[in-house]
Every structure is written in C-alpha cells, then in structure tokens.
C-alpha atoms as a PDB file:
ATOM      1  CA  MET A   1      -7.408 -25.165  15.666  1.00  0.00           C
ATOM      2  CA  ASN A   2      -4.968 -22.368  16.538  1.00  0.00           C
ATOM      3  CA  ASP A   3      -6.234 -20.388  13.524  1.00  0.00           C
ATOM      4  CA  PRO A   4      -8.999 -17.957  14.617  1.00  0.00           C
ATOM      5  CA  ASN A   5     -10.635 -18.427  11.182  1.00  0.00           C
ATOM      6  CA  TRP A   6     -10.806 -22.195  11.113  1.00  0.00           C
ATOM      7  CA  LYS A   7     -14.572 -22.254  10.466  1.00  0.00           C
ATOM      8  CA  LEU A   8     -14.913 -19.200   8.204  1.00  0.00           C
ATOM      9  CA  PRO A   9     -15.460 -19.742   4.470  1.00  0.00           C
ATOM     10  CA  GLU A  10     -12.442 -18.950   2.312  1.00  0.00           C
ATOM     11  CA  VAL A  11     -12.784 -15.681   0.395  1.00  0.00           C
ATOM     12  CA  PRO A  12     -10.332 -13.284  -1.257  1.00  0.00           C
ATOM     13  CA  THR A  13      -8.451 -10.957   1.068  1.00  0.00           C
ATOM     14  CA  PHE A  14      -7.739  -7.244   1.124  1.00  0.00           C
ATOM     15  CA  ALA A  15      -5.607  -5.009   3.370  1.00  0.00           C
ATOM     16  CA  LEU A  16      -6.470  -3.771   6.860  1.00  0.00           C
ATOM     17  CA  GLU A  17      -3.973  -1.496   8.616  1.00  0.00           C
ATOM     18  CA  SER A  18      -3.684   0.745  11.634  1.00  0.00           C
ATOM     19  CA  PRO A  19      -1.207   3.512  12.448  1.00  0.00           C
ATOM     20  CA  ASP A  20      -1.719   2.543  16.103  1.00  0.00           C
ATOM     21  CA  PHE A  21      -0.223  -0.981  15.944  1.00  0.00           C
ATOM     22  CA  GLU A  22       1.350  -3.386  13.447  1.00  0.00           C
ATOM     23  CA  GLU A  23       0.202  -6.937  12.688  1.00  0.00           C
ATOM     24  CA  GLY A  24       1.113  -9.171  15.635  1.00  0.00           C
ATOM     25  CA  ASP A  25       2.282  -6.282  17.846  1.00  0.00           C
ATOM     26  CA  MET A  26       0.972  -5.253  21.247  1.00  0.00           C
ATOM     27  CA  LEU A  27      -2.109  -3.059  21.272  1.00  0.00           C
ATOM     28  CA  PRO A  28      -1.617   0.417  22.754  1.00  0.00           C
ATOM     29  CA  GLN A  29      -2.357   0.752  26.477  1.00  0.00           C
ATOM     30  CA  TRP A  30      -5.354   2.990  25.712  1.00  0.00           C
ATOM     31  CA  ALA A  31      -6.872   0.102  23.671  1.00  0.00           C
ATOM     32  CA  ARG A  32      -7.025  -2.021  26.817  1.00  0.00           C
ATOM     33  CA  SER A  33     -10.202  -2.190  28.850  1.00  0.00           C
ATOM     34  CA  GLY A  34     -11.019   0.431  31.437  1.00  0.00           C
ATOM     35  CA  ILE A  35     -14.242  -1.378  32.332  1.00  0.00           C
ATOM     36  CA  ALA A  36     -12.476  -4.641  33.174  1.00  0.00           C
ATOM     37  CA  ASN A  37      -9.740  -2.925  35.228  1.00  0.00           C
ATOM     38  CA  ALA A  38      -7.035  -3.570  32.628  1.00  0.00           C
ATOM     39  CA  GLY A  39      -5.682  -0.019  32.895  1.00  0.00           C
ATOM     40  CA  GLY A  40      -6.941   1.198  29.533  1.00  0.00           C
ATOM     41  CA  GLU A  41      -9.483   3.553  28.061  1.00  0.00           C
ATOM     42  CA  ASP A  42     -11.571   1.214  25.868  1.00  0.00           C
ATOM     43  CA  ARG A  43     -10.519   3.322  22.875  1.00  0.00           C
ATOM     44  CA  SER A  44     -10.721   1.583  19.496  1.00  0.00           C
ATOM     45  CA  PRO A  45      -7.707   2.007  17.205  1.00  0.00           C
ATOM     46  CA  THR A  46      -7.735   3.801  13.863  1.00  0.00           C
ATOM     47  CA  LEU A  47      -8.440   1.346  11.030  1.00  0.00           C
ATOM     48  CA  HIS A  48      -7.826   1.784   7.277  1.00  0.00           C
ATOM     49  CA  TRP A  49      -8.723  -0.758   4.583  1.00  0.00           C
ATOM     50  CA  HIS A  50      -8.109  -0.933   0.843  1.00  0.00           C
ATOM     51  CA  GLY A  51      -7.980  -3.366  -2.042  1.00  0.00           C
ATOM     52  CA  PHE A  52     -11.503  -4.729  -1.552  1.00  0.00           C
ATOM     53  CA  PRO A  53     -13.559  -5.851  -4.593  1.00  0.00           C
ATOM     54  CA  SER A  54     -15.082  -3.069  -6.700  1.00  0.00           C
ATOM     55  CA  GLY A  55     -18.602  -4.517  -6.290  1.00  0.00           C
ATOM     56  CA  THR A  56     -18.534  -4.151  -2.494  1.00  0.00           C
ATOM     57  CA  LYS A  57     -21.830  -2.695  -1.231  1.00  0.00           C
ATOM     58  CA  SER A  58     -21.100  -2.435   2.510  1.00  0.00           C
ATOM     59  CA  PHE A  59     -18.753  -3.559   5.274  1.00  0.00           C
ATOM     60  CA  ALA A  60     -19.031  -5.306   8.614  1.00  0.00           C
ATOM     61  CA  LEU A  61     -16.441  -5.019  11.379  1.00  0.00           C
ATOM     62  CA  THR A  62     -15.793  -7.407  14.250  1.00  0.00           C
ATOM     63  CA  VAL A  63     -13.164  -7.639  16.969  1.00  0.00           C
ATOM     64  CA  PHE A  64     -12.822 -11.082  18.523  1.00  0.00           C
ATOM     65  CA  ASP A  65     -10.532 -12.677  21.126  1.00  0.00           C
ATOM     66  CA  PRO A  66     -10.279 -16.394  20.242  1.00  0.00           C
ATOM     67  CA  ASP A  67      -8.035 -16.998  23.273  1.00  0.00           C
ATOM     68  CA  ALA A  68     -10.562 -16.020  25.954  1.00  0.00           C
ATOM     69  CA  PRO A  69     -11.061 -18.937  28.364  1.00  0.00           C
ATOM     70  CA  THR A  70     -14.786 -19.229  27.678  1.00  0.00           C
ATOM     71  CA  GLY A  71     -15.048 -22.082  25.191  1.00  0.00           C
ATOM     72  CA  SER A  72     -16.488 -19.579  22.710  1.00  0.00           C
ATOM     73  CA  GLY A  73     -14.033 -16.664  22.659  1.00  0.00           C
ATOM     74  CA  TRP A  74     -14.988 -13.063  23.447  1.00  0.00           C
ATOM     75  CA  TRP A  75     -16.542 -10.439  21.154  1.00  0.00           C
ATOM     76  CA  HIS A  76     -15.160  -6.944  21.818  1.00  0.00           C
ATOM     77  CA  TRP A  77     -16.878  -4.993  19.028  1.00  0.00           C
ATOM     78  CA  ALA A  78     -19.252  -5.611  16.131  1.00  0.00           C
ATOM     79  CA  ALA A  79     -20.660  -3.136  13.620  1.00  0.00           C
ATOM     80  CA  TYR A  80     -22.372  -3.561  10.274  1.00  0.00           C
ATOM     81  CA  ASN A  81     -24.079  -1.609   7.481  1.00  0.00           C
ATOM     82  CA  ILE A  82     -20.907   0.458   7.147  1.00  0.00           C
ATOM     83  CA  PRO A  83     -21.311   2.144   3.733  1.00  0.00           C
ATOM     84  CA  ALA A  84     -19.079   0.963   0.876  1.00  0.00           C
ATOM     85  CA  SER A  85     -17.770   4.529   0.514  1.00  0.00           C
ATOM     86  CA  VAL A  86     -16.112   4.271   3.957  1.00  0.00           C
ATOM     87  CA  GLU A  87     -12.508   3.043   3.919  1.00  0.00           C
ATOM     88  CA  SER A  88     -11.442   3.923   7.449  1.00  0.00           C
ATOM     89  CA  LEU A  89     -12.601   4.490  10.995  1.00  0.00           C
ATOM     90  CA  PRO A  90     -10.878   7.017  13.251  1.00  0.00           C
ATOM     91  CA  GLN A  91      -9.478   6.253  16.685  1.00  0.00           C
ATOM     92  CA  ASP A  92     -12.291   5.971  19.257  1.00  0.00           C
ATOM     93  CA  ALA A  93     -14.973   5.226  16.637  1.00  0.00           C
ATOM     94  CA  GLY A  94     -16.099   2.449  18.976  1.00  0.00           C
ATOM     95  CA  ASN A  95     -17.202   5.048  21.533  1.00  0.00           C
ATOM     96  CA  PRO A  96     -20.861   5.902  20.803  1.00  0.00           C
ATOM     97  CA  ASP A  97     -20.524   9.236  22.630  1.00  0.00           C
ATOM     98  CA  ALA A  98     -17.815  10.312  20.158  1.00  0.00           C
ATOM     99  CA  GLN A  99     -20.266   9.881  17.238  1.00  0.00           C
ATOM    100  CA  LEU A 100     -17.476   8.841  14.855  1.00  0.00           C
ATOM    101  CA  MET A 101     -19.212   5.892  13.184  1.00  0.00           C
ATOM    102  CA  PRO A 102     -20.557   6.602   9.693  1.00  0.00           C
ATOM    103  CA  ASN A 103     -24.249   7.308   9.176  1.00  0.00           C
ATOM    104  CA  GLY A 104     -26.217   4.085   8.816  1.00  0.00           C
ATOM    105  CA  ALA A 105     -23.684   1.897  10.647  1.00  0.00           C
ATOM    106  CA  ILE A 106     -25.114  -0.174  13.478  1.00  0.00           C
ATOM    107  CA  THR A 107     -23.114  -1.360  16.491  1.00  0.00           C
ATOM    108  CA  LEU A 108     -24.234  -4.515  18.279  1.00  0.00           C
ATOM    109  CA  PRO A 109     -23.765  -5.231  21.980  1.00  0.00           C
ATOM    110  CA  ASN A 110     -20.441  -6.864  22.860  1.00  0.00           C
ATOM    111  CA  GLU A 111     -20.053  -9.604  25.498  1.00  0.00           C
ATOM    112  CA  LEU A 112     -20.682  -7.033  28.249  1.00  0.00           C
ATOM    113  CA  ARG A 113     -23.899  -6.047  26.382  1.00  0.00           C
ATOM    114  CA  LEU A 114     -22.471  -2.587  25.653  1.00  0.00           C
ATOM    115  CA  THR A 115     -22.796  -1.073  22.161  1.00  0.00           C
ATOM    116  CA  SER A 116     -19.210   0.094  22.184  1.00  0.00           C
ATOM    117  CA  PHE A 117     -15.661  -1.149  21.763  1.00  0.00           C
ATOM    118  CA  GLN A 118     -14.417  -3.062  24.791  1.00  0.00           C
ATOM    119  CA  GLY A 119     -10.641  -2.964  25.067  1.00  0.00           C
ATOM    120  CA  ALA A 120      -8.308  -5.891  25.640  1.00  0.00           C
ATOM    121  CA  ALA A 121      -8.461  -7.510  29.076  1.00  0.00           C
ATOM    122  CA  PRO A 122      -6.920 -10.982  29.290  1.00  0.00           C
ATOM    123  CA  PRO A 123      -7.494 -12.615  32.690  1.00  0.00           C
ATOM    124  CA  ALA A 124      -4.564 -12.460  35.123  1.00  0.00           C
ATOM    125  CA  GLY A 125      -2.064 -15.236  34.536  1.00  0.00           C
ATOM    126  CA  HIS A 126      -3.659 -16.297  31.242  1.00  0.00           C
ATOM    127  CA  GLY A 127      -0.842 -15.059  29.005  1.00  0.00           C
ATOM    128  CA  PRO A 128      -1.128 -13.196  25.702  1.00  0.00           C
ATOM    129  CA  HIS A 129      -4.393 -13.017  23.797  1.00  0.00           C
ATOM    130  CA  ARG A 130      -4.976 -12.248  20.118  1.00  0.00           C
ATOM    131  CA  TYR A 131      -7.489  -9.560  19.169  1.00  0.00           C
ATOM    132  CA  VAL A 132      -8.656 -10.230  15.625  1.00  0.00           C
ATOM    133  CA  PHE A 133      -9.931  -7.093  13.865  1.00  0.00           C
ATOM    134  CA  THR A 134     -11.910  -8.235  10.810  1.00  0.00           C
ATOM    135  CA  VAL A 135     -13.462  -6.094   8.095  1.00  0.00           C
ATOM    136  CA  SER A 136     -15.723  -8.054   5.760  1.00  0.00           C
ATOM    137  CA  ALA A 137     -16.657  -6.686   2.338  1.00  0.00           C
ATOM    138  CA  LEU A 138     -20.289  -7.576   1.578  1.00  0.00           C
ATOM    139  CA  ASN A 139     -22.410  -7.918  -1.553  1.00  0.00           C
ATOM    140  CA  VAL A 140     -25.439  -6.234   0.083  1.00  0.00           C
ATOM    141  CA  GLU A 141     -25.940  -2.616   1.181  1.00  0.00           C
ATOM    142  CA  ARG A 142     -27.710  -3.604   4.373  1.00  0.00           C
ATOM    143  CA  LEU A 143     -27.865  -6.674   6.558  1.00  0.00           C
ATOM    144  CA  ASP A 144     -31.130  -7.377   8.305  1.00  0.00           C
ATOM    145  CA  VAL A 145     -29.990  -8.225  11.841  1.00  0.00           C
ATOM    146  CA  ALA A 146     -32.347  -7.782  14.780  1.00  0.00           C
ATOM    147  CA  GLU A 147     -31.509  -4.968  17.193  1.00  0.00           C
ATOM    148  CA  GLY A 148     -29.681  -6.329  20.230  1.00  0.00           C
ATOM    149  CA  SER A 149     -28.433  -9.427  18.399  1.00  0.00           C
ATOM    150  CA  THR A 150     -25.092 -10.902  19.372  1.00  0.00           C
ATOM    151  CA  PRO A 151     -21.936 -10.542  17.269  1.00  0.00           C
ATOM    152  CA  ALA A 152     -22.134 -14.299  16.639  1.00  0.00           C
ATOM    153  CA  MET A 153     -25.569 -13.761  15.084  1.00  0.00           C
ATOM    154  CA  LEU A 154     -24.061 -11.033  12.894  1.00  0.00           C
ATOM    155  CA  GLY A 155     -21.435 -13.564  11.789  1.00  0.00           C
ATOM    156  CA  PHE A 156     -24.198 -15.958  10.805  1.00  0.00           C
ATOM    157  CA  ALA A 157     -26.101 -13.222   8.910  1.00  0.00           C
ATOM    158  CA  LEU A 158     -23.093 -12.005   6.943  1.00  0.00           C
ATOM    159  CA  ARG A 159     -21.688 -15.452   6.134  1.00  0.00           C
ATOM    160  CA  ASP A 160     -23.439 -15.763   2.748  1.00  0.00           C
ATOM    161  CA  HIS A 161     -22.682 -12.144   1.782  1.00  0.00           C
ATOM    162  CA  VAL A 162     -18.907 -11.910   2.360  1.00  0.00           C
ATOM    163  CA  VAL A 163     -17.018 -11.315  -0.895  1.00  0.00           C
ATOM    164  CA  ALA A 164     -13.646 -10.569   0.731  1.00  0.00           C
ATOM    165  CA  ARG A 165     -12.121 -10.284   4.196  1.00  0.00           C
ATOM    166  CA  ALA A 166      -9.313  -8.258   5.774  1.00  0.00           C
ATOM    167  CA  GLN A 167      -7.792  -8.951   9.166  1.00  0.00           C
ATOM    168  CA  LEU A 168      -5.336  -7.367  11.543  1.00  0.00           C
ATOM    169  CA  ILE A 169      -4.301  -9.060  14.789  1.00  0.00           C
ATOM    170  CA  GLY A 170      -3.115  -7.185  17.861  1.00  0.00           C
ATOM    171  CA  ILE A 171      -1.821  -8.796  21.038  1.00  0.00           C
ATOM    172  CA  SER A 172      -2.331  -8.010  24.704  1.00  0.00           C
ATOM    173  CA  SER A 173      -1.364  -9.768  27.908  1.00  0.00           C
ATOM    174  CA  THR A 174      -1.473  -9.245  31.633  1.00  0.00           C
ATOM    175  CA  SER A 175       2.333  -9.296  31.821  1.00  0.00           C
ATOM    176  CA  GLU A 176       2.812  -5.948  30.038  1.00  0.00           C
END
C-alpha cells in the first residue's frame, strides 16, 4: 500500500515534467506552505505535459500527499475543465490572484477550504512526505462537479473519464 495509486484504475501514461524539480527530488522552498508556517510561499511549480492521447478533450490536475497522518492523505490542489489545448501551467498558477489558470478551468477547495495551491507542510518530526502531482487526460470537455466539492469528489467524478494519466512526485520534509 506504499503506492499512492493503489486504488486508481490502470490507464496509459504520458509525461509530466517541471523545470522547478525532478521526479523524486525535494520541492523548492517557495513551494512549501506559508499558511502552515513551513517557511514557504504556497507557490505552485511550473508544470508541462506531453504525449497524451490525441482524443483528449480536457485535463484535471490534483496534488495529493498520501503520507499525511490523517488516514486519508491531504489534498493540496485540485483543478478541472482545463482545456485540451493547454499543455502547461506556469509557476504560481495555483494562486487565484495571479490569474494564471486557463479560461474555463475550475479550482476546488483544498483541505484548508482554500481555492488555491497549498504548499508542502509535513508535520514536525513526521519525516519526508511525497507530493503527487497528477494530470489526468479526460474524454469529456467538461466535468459536472458541484461548486465547493472536495478533491476526493473530483476524483470520483473523473474516474470513468480518464484516458491517460501523468504523474510527478516531489518530496518535502521538516528536516530540510
């Protein structure tokens, strides 16, 4: 059960990359939480994806910490109805004040009930946590998810529409 995807349906994969961190590397300090006193700025990293199926009609993005000591993990960011023409998000796209999300994209509240990216903030003494950035290619242009829904509800709504998935995992700990 160490795999953060152990309950997700198997689908083809595509590439998700960031110039801000490599797979399995530490997230930048600015991608840590400022809200949770982790010394960061709650700034989302730049994300680029490619190699998704040609019939993709939209994308959904989630950022999840499966190592949070909650029994259910911790959702840091969730957005959907990202147009199929979009293949990247710039740094700080998770900040609604920056207005960097594409037209039509909807951001859901994270665990703190904020419609923004919440940076990494593992509890003191808890060791390293994985932050799983997932972009799902969907076979529908729009998902019908109620405003204010949780990221888990988004996961349920997109489950039957995922045609491919890309992931990138960054690490953060309190011992940095």
